[in-house]
Amino acid sequence: MSAYLQDDDSEYKKFKKKIDASNDLEVAVGIHEDAGFNENGDDILEYAIWNHFGTKDIPERPFVDLAADRNQNWQRYVDEALGNLTDKNTSLRIEAGKVGDIAVKDMKAIIENKEVPPPNKASTIKKKGFDHPLIETGALLSKIKYKIDE
């Protein structure tokens, strides 16, 4: 009786193809150009940019940068996602979506927990009726999303 074993490297080749594809994939988190307008008619992307970088009348509140700086664990999630590609029941897009969900949650938490300085001025609090920087109508917060670009 004889036995024959053949290793055609097909699983390795599939995995390598998934990893190679990851070099062309980007998960963009924040406010995107299709965010639309809030109930006051303001372009939400412009509003986000004005608040993030500041203007002569609006102080800088860099919520995107703060979220990225405070969440160094995102790289751990990326590494975990790449490791999950060895599972035949997942794809690069599914794993990228998991990382995107985590980053969106973290970015929203920075705003919800009032971690973005500076606090509102007294005149802004009076106008809004409450003191919560970056929240007025809730539109900005609701439009923080992720997109997968390939």
N, C-alpha and C. Protein backbone atom coordinates (compact mmCIF):
# COMPACT_ATOMS: atom_id res chain seq x y z
N MET A 1 0.85 -1.16 0.00
CA MET A 1 0.00 0.00 0.00
C MET A 1 0.90 1.23 0.00
N SER A 2 0.48 2.26 -0.74
CA SER A 2 1.27 3.47 -0.77
C SER A 2 0.35 4.67 -0.48
N ALA A 3 0.95 5.72 -0.01
CA ALA A 3 0.21 6.95 0.29
C ALA A 3 0.87 8.10 -0.45
N TYR A 4 0.06 9.05 -0.81
CA TYR A 4 0.58 10.20 -1.54
C TYR A 4 0.01 11.46 -0.89
N LEU A 5 0.87 12.39 -0.58
CA LEU A 5 0.46 13.65 0.03
C LEU A 5 0.90 14.78 -0.89
N GLN A 6 -0.05 15.63 -1.21
CA GLN A 6 0.27 16.75 -2.07
C GLN A 6 -0.12 18.04 -1.35
N ASP A 7 0.79 18.98 -1.34
CA ASP A 7 0.53 20.29 -0.74
C ASP A 7 0.59 21.30 -1.88
N ASP A 8 -0.57 21.78 -2.27
CA ASP A 8 -0.59 22.70 -3.40
C ASP A 8 -0.58 24.17 -2.97
N ASP A 9 -0.47 24.43 -1.70
CA ASP A 9 -0.39 25.80 -1.17
C ASP A 9 -1.62 26.65 -1.51
N SER A 10 -2.76 26.03 -1.79
CA SER A 10 -3.93 26.81 -2.19
C SER A 10 -4.43 27.70 -1.05
N GLU A 11 -4.41 27.21 0.17
CA GLU A 11 -4.87 28.04 1.30
C GLU A 11 -3.92 29.20 1.53
N TYR A 12 -2.64 28.95 1.42
CA TYR A 12 -1.65 30.02 1.57
C TYR A 12 -1.86 31.07 0.47
N LYS A 13 -2.09 30.63 -0.75
CA LYS A 13 -2.27 31.56 -1.86
C LYS A 13 -3.53 32.41 -1.65
N LYS A 14 -4.59 31.81 -1.15
CA LYS A 14 -5.83 32.57 -0.88
C LYS A 14 -5.57 33.62 0.21
N PHE A 15 -4.88 33.21 1.26
CA PHE A 15 -4.57 34.12 2.36
C PHE A 15 -3.69 35.26 1.88
N LYS A 16 -2.65 34.94 1.11
CA LYS A 16 -1.75 35.96 0.59
C LYS A 16 -2.50 36.94 -0.30
N LYS A 17 -3.44 36.47 -1.07
CA LYS A 17 -4.24 37.35 -1.92
C LYS A 17 -5.05 38.32 -1.06
N LYS A 18 -5.62 37.83 0.03
CA LYS A 18 -6.39 38.70 0.94
C LYS A 18 -5.48 39.76 1.57
N ILE A 19 -4.31 39.34 2.01
CA ILE A 19 -3.38 40.28 2.64
C ILE A 19 -2.89 41.31 1.62
N ASP A 20 -2.56 40.87 0.42
CA ASP A 20 -2.12 41.81 -0.61
C ASP A 20 -3.20 42.83 -0.93
N ALA A 21 -4.46 42.41 -0.93
CA ALA A 21 -5.58 43.32 -1.20
C ALA A 21 -5.71 44.37 -0.11
N SER A 22 -5.27 44.04 1.11
CA SER A 22 -5.40 44.99 2.21
C SER A 22 -4.54 46.23 2.01
N ASN A 23 -3.50 46.14 1.19
CA ASN A 23 -2.64 47.29 0.94
C ASN A 23 -3.37 48.39 0.17
N ASP A 24 -4.43 48.03 -0.53
CA ASP A 24 -5.18 48.99 -1.34
C ASP A 24 -6.47 49.44 -0.65
N LEU A 25 -6.68 49.05 0.58
CA LEU A 25 -7.93 49.34 1.27
C LEU A 25 -7.71 50.40 2.34
N GLU A 26 -8.68 51.30 2.45
CA GLU A 26 -8.59 52.36 3.46
C GLU A 26 -9.94 52.48 4.13
N VAL A 27 -9.92 52.59 5.45
CA VAL A 27 -11.13 52.85 6.21
C VAL A 27 -11.07 54.30 6.65
N ALA A 28 -11.93 55.12 6.08
CA ALA A 28 -11.97 56.56 6.38
C ALA A 28 -13.10 56.80 7.38
N VAL A 29 -12.76 57.40 8.52
CA VAL A 29 -13.73 57.63 9.58
C VAL A 29 -13.88 59.12 9.83
N GLY A 30 -15.10 59.57 9.93
CA GLY A 30 -15.37 60.98 10.21
C GLY A 30 -16.64 61.43 9.52
N ILE A 31 -16.65 62.71 9.14
CA ILE A 31 -17.77 63.28 8.41
C ILE A 31 -17.39 63.28 6.93
N HIS A 32 -18.23 62.72 6.10
CA HIS A 32 -17.92 62.59 4.68
C HIS A 32 -18.72 63.58 3.86
N GLU A 33 -18.31 63.74 2.61
CA GLU A 33 -18.93 64.77 1.77
C GLU A 33 -20.41 64.54 1.49
N ASP A 34 -20.90 63.34 1.71
CA ASP A 34 -22.33 63.08 1.51
C ASP A 34 -23.15 63.22 2.80
N ALA A 35 -22.61 63.92 3.79
CA ALA A 35 -23.28 64.06 5.09
C ALA A 35 -24.58 64.86 5.01
N GLY A 36 -24.67 65.73 4.03
CA GLY A 36 -25.91 66.48 3.87
C GLY A 36 -25.95 67.74 4.72
N PHE A 37 -27.17 68.13 5.09
CA PHE A 37 -27.41 69.39 5.80
C PHE A 37 -28.17 69.13 7.09
N ASN A 38 -27.95 70.00 8.08
CA ASN A 38 -28.71 69.86 9.32
C ASN A 38 -30.04 70.59 9.18
N GLU A 39 -30.84 70.57 10.24
CA GLU A 39 -32.18 71.17 10.18
C GLU A 39 -32.15 72.68 9.99
N ASN A 40 -31.00 73.31 10.25
CA ASN A 40 -30.85 74.75 10.03
C ASN A 40 -30.37 75.08 8.61
N GLY A 41 -30.14 74.05 7.81
CA GLY A 41 -29.66 74.25 6.45
C GLY A 41 -28.15 74.35 6.31
N ASP A 42 -27.43 74.09 7.40
CA ASP A 42 -25.97 74.15 7.36
C ASP A 42 -25.40 72.86 6.77
N ASP A 43 -24.40 73.00 5.92
CA ASP A 43 -23.69 71.84 5.37
C ASP A 43 -22.91 71.20 6.51
N ILE A 44 -23.20 69.95 6.80
CA ILE A 44 -22.60 69.29 7.97
C ILE A 44 -21.10 69.10 7.81
N LEU A 45 -20.63 68.81 6.61
CA LEU A 45 -19.18 68.68 6.40
C LEU A 45 -18.48 70.01 6.65
N GLU A 46 -19.03 71.10 6.13
CA GLU A 46 -18.42 72.41 6.38
C GLU A 46 -18.42 72.73 7.87
N TYR A 47 -19.54 72.47 8.52
CA TYR A 47 -19.65 72.70 9.96
C TYR A 47 -18.58 71.91 10.72
N ALA A 48 -18.38 70.67 10.32
CA ALA A 48 -17.36 69.83 10.96
C ALA A 48 -15.97 70.40 10.75
N ILE A 49 -15.68 70.84 9.54
CA ILE A 49 -14.37 71.41 9.22
C ILE A 49 -14.15 72.69 10.03
N TRP A 50 -15.15 73.57 10.07
CA TRP A 50 -15.02 74.82 10.83
C TRP A 50 -14.73 74.52 12.29
N ASN A 51 -15.43 73.55 12.85
CA ASN A 51 -15.22 73.23 14.26
C ASN A 51 -13.91 72.50 14.50
N HIS A 52 -13.55 71.62 13.61
CA HIS A 52 -12.31 70.88 13.79
C HIS A 52 -11.09 71.80 13.75
N PHE A 53 -11.03 72.67 12.74
CA PHE A 53 -9.87 73.53 12.55
C PHE A 53 -10.03 74.92 13.16
N GLY A 54 -11.27 75.32 13.43
CA GLY A 54 -11.54 76.63 13.98
C GLY A 54 -11.61 77.70 12.90
N THR A 55 -12.23 78.81 13.26
CA THR A 55 -12.32 79.99 12.40
C THR A 55 -12.03 81.20 13.28
N LYS A 56 -12.20 82.39 12.75
CA LYS A 56 -11.98 83.57 13.60
C LYS A 56 -13.03 83.66 14.70
N ASP A 57 -14.20 83.04 14.49
CA ASP A 57 -15.27 83.09 15.48
C ASP A 57 -15.52 81.78 16.22
N ILE A 58 -14.99 80.69 15.70
CA ILE A 58 -15.21 79.36 16.29
C ILE A 58 -13.87 78.80 16.75
N PRO A 59 -13.77 78.42 18.02
CA PRO A 59 -12.48 77.85 18.48
C PRO A 59 -12.24 76.46 17.88
N GLU A 60 -10.99 76.15 17.72
CA GLU A 60 -10.58 74.83 17.21
C GLU A 60 -11.02 73.74 18.18
N ARG A 61 -11.74 72.74 17.66
CA ARG A 61 -12.14 71.56 18.45
C ARG A 61 -11.84 70.32 17.60
N PRO A 62 -10.60 69.87 17.60
CA PRO A 62 -10.14 68.82 16.69
C PRO A 62 -10.58 67.41 17.12
N PHE A 63 -11.88 67.15 17.01
CA PHE A 63 -12.43 65.89 17.49
C PHE A 63 -11.90 64.67 16.75
N VAL A 64 -11.59 64.81 15.47
CA VAL A 64 -11.06 63.67 14.70
C VAL A 64 -9.66 63.33 15.21
N ASP A 65 -8.82 64.34 15.34
CA ASP A 65 -7.45 64.13 15.82
C ASP A 65 -7.44 63.57 17.25
N LEU A 66 -8.29 64.13 18.09
CA LEU A 66 -8.35 63.65 19.48
C LEU A 66 -8.75 62.18 19.55
N ALA A 67 -9.73 61.81 18.75
CA ALA A 67 -10.16 60.41 18.75
C ALA A 67 -9.03 59.49 18.30
N ALA A 68 -8.33 59.88 17.26
CA ALA A 68 -7.22 59.05 16.77
C ALA A 68 -6.08 58.99 17.79
N ASP A 69 -5.75 60.13 18.39
CA ASP A 69 -4.66 60.17 19.37
C ASP A 69 -4.97 59.36 20.61
N ARG A 70 -6.21 59.40 21.05
CA ARG A 70 -6.59 58.72 22.30
C ARG A 70 -6.89 57.24 22.11
N ASN A 71 -6.94 56.80 20.89
CA ASN A 71 -7.30 55.41 20.64
C ASN A 71 -6.21 54.69 19.86
N GLN A 72 -5.07 54.60 20.50
CA GLN A 72 -3.95 53.90 19.88
C GLN A 72 -4.24 52.42 19.70
N ASN A 73 -5.31 51.94 20.32
CA ASN A 73 -5.67 50.52 20.19
C ASN A 73 -6.26 50.20 18.82
N TRP A 74 -6.52 51.21 17.98
CA TRP A 74 -7.04 50.93 16.65
C TRP A 74 -6.10 50.03 15.87
N GLN A 75 -4.79 50.22 16.03
CA GLN A 75 -3.83 49.37 15.32
C GLN A 75 -3.97 47.92 15.77
N ARG A 76 -4.27 47.73 17.03
CA ARG A 76 -4.48 46.36 17.53
C ARG A 76 -5.67 45.72 16.82
N TYR A 77 -6.73 46.51 16.61
CA TYR A 77 -7.91 45.99 15.91
C TYR A 77 -7.61 45.69 14.44
N VAL A 78 -6.76 46.51 13.84
CA VAL A 78 -6.36 46.25 12.45
C VAL A 78 -5.56 44.95 12.40
N ASP A 79 -4.63 44.78 13.31
CA ASP A 79 -3.83 43.55 13.35
C ASP A 79 -4.72 42.33 13.57
N GLU A 80 -5.69 42.47 14.46
CA GLU A 80 -6.63 41.38 14.73
C GLU A 80 -7.45 41.06 13.48
N ALA A 81 -7.89 42.10 12.79
CA ALA A 81 -8.67 41.91 11.58
C ALA A 81 -7.87 41.16 10.51
N LEU A 82 -6.60 41.54 10.36
CA LEU A 82 -5.76 40.84 9.38
C LEU A 82 -5.57 39.38 9.78
N GLY A 83 -5.42 39.14 11.08
CA GLY A 83 -5.30 37.76 11.56
C GLY A 83 -6.56 36.95 11.30
N ASN A 84 -7.71 37.61 11.36
CA ASN A 84 -8.98 36.92 11.12
C ASN A 84 -9.16 36.47 9.68
N LEU A 85 -8.34 37.01 8.78
CA LEU A 85 -8.46 36.64 7.38
C LEU A 85 -8.11 35.18 7.11
N THR A 86 -7.47 34.54 8.07
CA THR A 86 -7.20 33.11 7.90
C THR A 86 -8.49 32.30 8.00
N ASP A 87 -9.53 32.89 8.57
CA ASP A 87 -10.85 32.24 8.66
C ASP A 87 -11.51 32.33 7.29
N LYS A 88 -11.94 31.22 6.78
CA LYS A 88 -12.54 31.20 5.44
C LYS A 88 -13.91 31.88 5.41
N ASN A 89 -14.52 32.14 6.55
CA ASN A 89 -15.87 32.71 6.60
C ASN A 89 -15.88 34.22 6.75
N THR A 90 -14.77 34.87 6.48
CA THR A 90 -14.73 36.32 6.57
C THR A 90 -14.03 36.88 5.34
N SER A 91 -14.10 38.17 5.21
CA SER A 91 -13.44 38.82 4.08
C SER A 91 -12.77 40.09 4.58
N LEU A 92 -11.96 40.64 3.75
CA LEU A 92 -11.27 41.88 4.09
C LEU A 92 -12.28 43.00 4.36
N ARG A 93 -13.32 43.05 3.55
CA ARG A 93 -14.36 44.08 3.71
C ARG A 93 -15.09 43.93 5.04
N ILE A 94 -15.42 42.72 5.43
CA ILE A 94 -16.09 42.48 6.71
C ILE A 94 -15.19 42.91 7.86
N GLU A 95 -13.93 42.54 7.81
CA GLU A 95 -13.00 42.88 8.88
C GLU A 95 -12.74 44.39 8.93
N ALA A 96 -12.65 45.03 7.76
CA ALA A 96 -12.47 46.48 7.73
C ALA A 96 -13.69 47.18 8.33
N GLY A 97 -14.87 46.64 8.08
CA GLY A 97 -16.09 47.19 8.67
C GLY A 97 -16.09 47.11 10.18
N LYS A 98 -15.55 46.04 10.72
CA LYS A 98 -15.45 45.91 12.19
C LYS A 98 -14.55 47.00 12.77
N VAL A 99 -13.43 47.24 12.11
CA VAL A 99 -12.51 48.30 12.56
C VAL A 99 -13.20 49.65 12.44
N GLY A 100 -13.91 49.88 11.35
CA GLY A 100 -14.64 51.13 11.15
C GLY A 100 -15.68 51.37 12.23
N ASP A 101 -16.42 50.32 12.59
CA ASP A 101 -17.44 50.44 13.65
C ASP A 101 -16.80 50.88 14.97
N ILE A 102 -15.67 50.30 15.30
CA ILE A 102 -14.98 50.64 16.55
C ILE A 102 -14.52 52.10 16.52
N ALA A 103 -13.94 52.52 15.41
CA ALA A 103 -13.44 53.89 15.31
C ALA A 103 -14.58 54.91 15.37
N VAL A 104 -15.72 54.61 14.74
CA VAL A 104 -16.88 55.50 14.81
C VAL A 104 -17.36 55.62 16.25
N LYS A 105 -17.48 54.50 16.93
CA LYS A 105 -17.93 54.51 18.32
C LYS A 105 -16.99 55.34 19.19
N ASP A 106 -15.70 55.18 18.99
CA ASP A 106 -14.72 55.94 19.78
C ASP A 106 -14.79 57.43 19.48
N MET A 107 -14.95 57.80 18.20
CA MET A 107 -15.01 59.22 17.84
C MET A 107 -16.27 59.87 18.42
N LYS A 108 -17.39 59.16 18.36
CA LYS A 108 -18.63 59.69 18.93
C LYS A 108 -18.50 59.85 20.45
N ALA A 109 -17.84 58.91 21.09
CA ALA A 109 -17.67 58.96 22.55
C ALA A 109 -16.88 60.19 22.98
N ILE A 110 -15.88 60.57 22.19
CA ILE A 110 -15.08 61.77 22.50
C ILE A 110 -16.00 62.99 22.59
N ILE A 111 -16.95 63.09 21.66
CA ILE A 111 -17.87 64.22 21.65
C ILE A 111 -18.93 64.08 22.75
N GLU A 112 -19.52 62.90 22.85
CA GLU A 112 -20.59 62.68 23.84
C GLU A 112 -20.12 62.90 25.27
N ASN A 113 -18.87 62.56 25.53
CA ASN A 113 -18.32 62.68 26.89
C ASN A 113 -17.69 64.04 27.17
N LYS A 114 -17.91 64.99 26.28
CA LYS A 114 -17.39 66.36 26.42
C LYS A 114 -15.87 66.40 26.60
N GLU A 115 -15.17 65.58 25.82
CA GLU A 115 -13.72 65.51 25.94
C GLU A 115 -13.01 66.42 24.95
N VAL A 116 -13.76 67.20 24.19
CA VAL A 116 -13.17 68.08 23.19
C VAL A 116 -13.17 69.51 23.72
N PRO A 117 -11.99 70.03 24.07
CA PRO A 117 -11.93 71.40 24.56
C PRO A 117 -12.01 72.38 23.39
N PRO A 118 -12.23 73.63 23.65
CA PRO A 118 -12.57 74.27 24.92
C PRO A 118 -14.08 74.18 25.18
N PRO A 119 -14.49 74.47 26.40
CA PRO A 119 -15.93 74.48 26.70
C PRO A 119 -16.61 75.63 25.95
N ASN A 120 -17.91 75.56 25.85
CA ASN A 120 -18.67 76.64 25.20
C ASN A 120 -18.57 77.92 26.01
N LYS A 121 -18.64 79.06 25.29
CA LYS A 121 -18.70 80.36 25.96
C LYS A 121 -20.10 80.53 26.55
N ALA A 122 -20.22 81.44 27.51
CA ALA A 122 -21.51 81.71 28.16
C ALA A 122 -22.57 82.10 27.13
N SER A 123 -22.18 82.89 26.13
CA SER A 123 -23.14 83.32 25.12
C SER A 123 -23.66 82.13 24.29
N THR A 124 -22.79 81.16 24.03
CA THR A 124 -23.20 79.97 23.28
C THR A 124 -24.13 79.11 24.12
N ILE A 125 -23.81 78.97 25.39
CA ILE A 125 -24.67 78.18 26.30
C ILE A 125 -26.06 78.81 26.36
N LYS A 126 -26.11 80.14 26.44
CA LYS A 126 -27.40 80.83 26.50
C LYS A 126 -28.19 80.59 25.22
N LYS A 127 -27.52 80.66 24.07
CA LYS A 127 -28.17 80.46 22.77
C LYS A 127 -28.69 79.02 22.62
N LYS A 128 -27.84 78.05 23.00
CA LYS A 128 -28.20 76.64 22.84
C LYS A 128 -29.13 76.15 23.95
N GLY A 129 -28.99 76.73 25.11
CA GLY A 129 -29.77 76.28 26.26
C GLY A 129 -29.11 75.17 27.05
N PHE A 130 -27.89 74.82 26.66
CA PHE A 130 -27.12 73.79 27.38
C PHE A 130 -25.65 73.93 26.99
N ASP A 131 -24.78 73.29 27.76
CA ASP A 131 -23.35 73.37 27.53
C ASP A 131 -22.81 72.03 27.07
N HIS A 132 -22.72 71.88 25.78
CA HIS A 132 -22.13 70.66 25.23
C HIS A 132 -21.48 71.01 23.89
N PRO A 133 -20.16 71.22 23.90
CA PRO A 133 -19.47 71.54 22.65
C PRO A 133 -19.71 70.48 21.59
N LEU A 134 -19.87 70.94 20.36
CA LEU A 134 -20.07 70.11 19.17
C LEU A 134 -21.44 69.44 19.09
N ILE A 135 -22.31 69.73 20.04
CA ILE A 135 -23.67 69.20 19.97
C ILE A 135 -24.63 70.36 20.06
N GLU A 136 -25.45 70.48 19.03
CA GLU A 136 -26.53 71.46 19.05
C GLU A 136 -27.80 70.76 18.57
N THR A 137 -27.78 70.30 17.31
CA THR A 137 -28.94 69.58 16.78
C THR A 137 -28.74 68.07 16.82
N GLY A 138 -27.49 67.62 17.00
CA GLY A 138 -27.17 66.19 16.97
C GLY A 138 -26.80 65.70 15.58
N ALA A 139 -26.92 66.58 14.59
CA ALA A 139 -26.64 66.18 13.20
C ALA A 139 -25.18 65.78 13.00
N LEU A 140 -24.25 66.55 13.56
CA LEU A 140 -22.83 66.23 13.40
C LEU A 140 -22.54 64.83 13.96
N LEU A 141 -22.99 64.59 15.14
CA LEU A 141 -22.74 63.30 15.79
C LEU A 141 -23.34 62.14 14.97
N SER A 142 -24.54 62.35 14.47
CA SER A 142 -25.21 61.28 13.73
C SER A 142 -24.56 60.99 12.38
N LYS A 143 -23.76 61.92 11.88
CA LYS A 143 -23.14 61.75 10.57
C LYS A 143 -21.71 61.25 10.62
N ILE A 144 -21.22 60.93 11.81
CA ILE A 144 -19.89 60.32 11.91
C ILE A 144 -20.04 58.88 11.46
N LYS A 145 -19.39 58.56 10.38
CA LYS A 145 -19.51 57.24 9.73
C LYS A 145 -18.13 56.79 9.27
N TYR A 146 -18.10 55.55 8.80
CA TYR A 146 -16.89 55.09 8.14
C TYR A 146 -17.23 54.72 6.70
N LYS A 147 -16.22 54.82 5.86
CA LYS A 147 -16.33 54.40 4.47
C LYS A 147 -15.11 53.56 4.16
N ILE A 148 -15.32 52.56 3.36
CA ILE A 148 -14.22 51.71 2.92
C ILE A 148 -13.90 52.07 1.47
N ASP A 149 -12.68 52.53 1.27
CA ASP A 149 -12.23 52.90 -0.07
C ASP A 149 -11.21 51.86 -0.54
N GLU A 150 -11.41 51.40 -1.74
CA GLU A 150 -10.47 50.41 -2.29
C GLU A 150 -9.81 50.97 -3.52
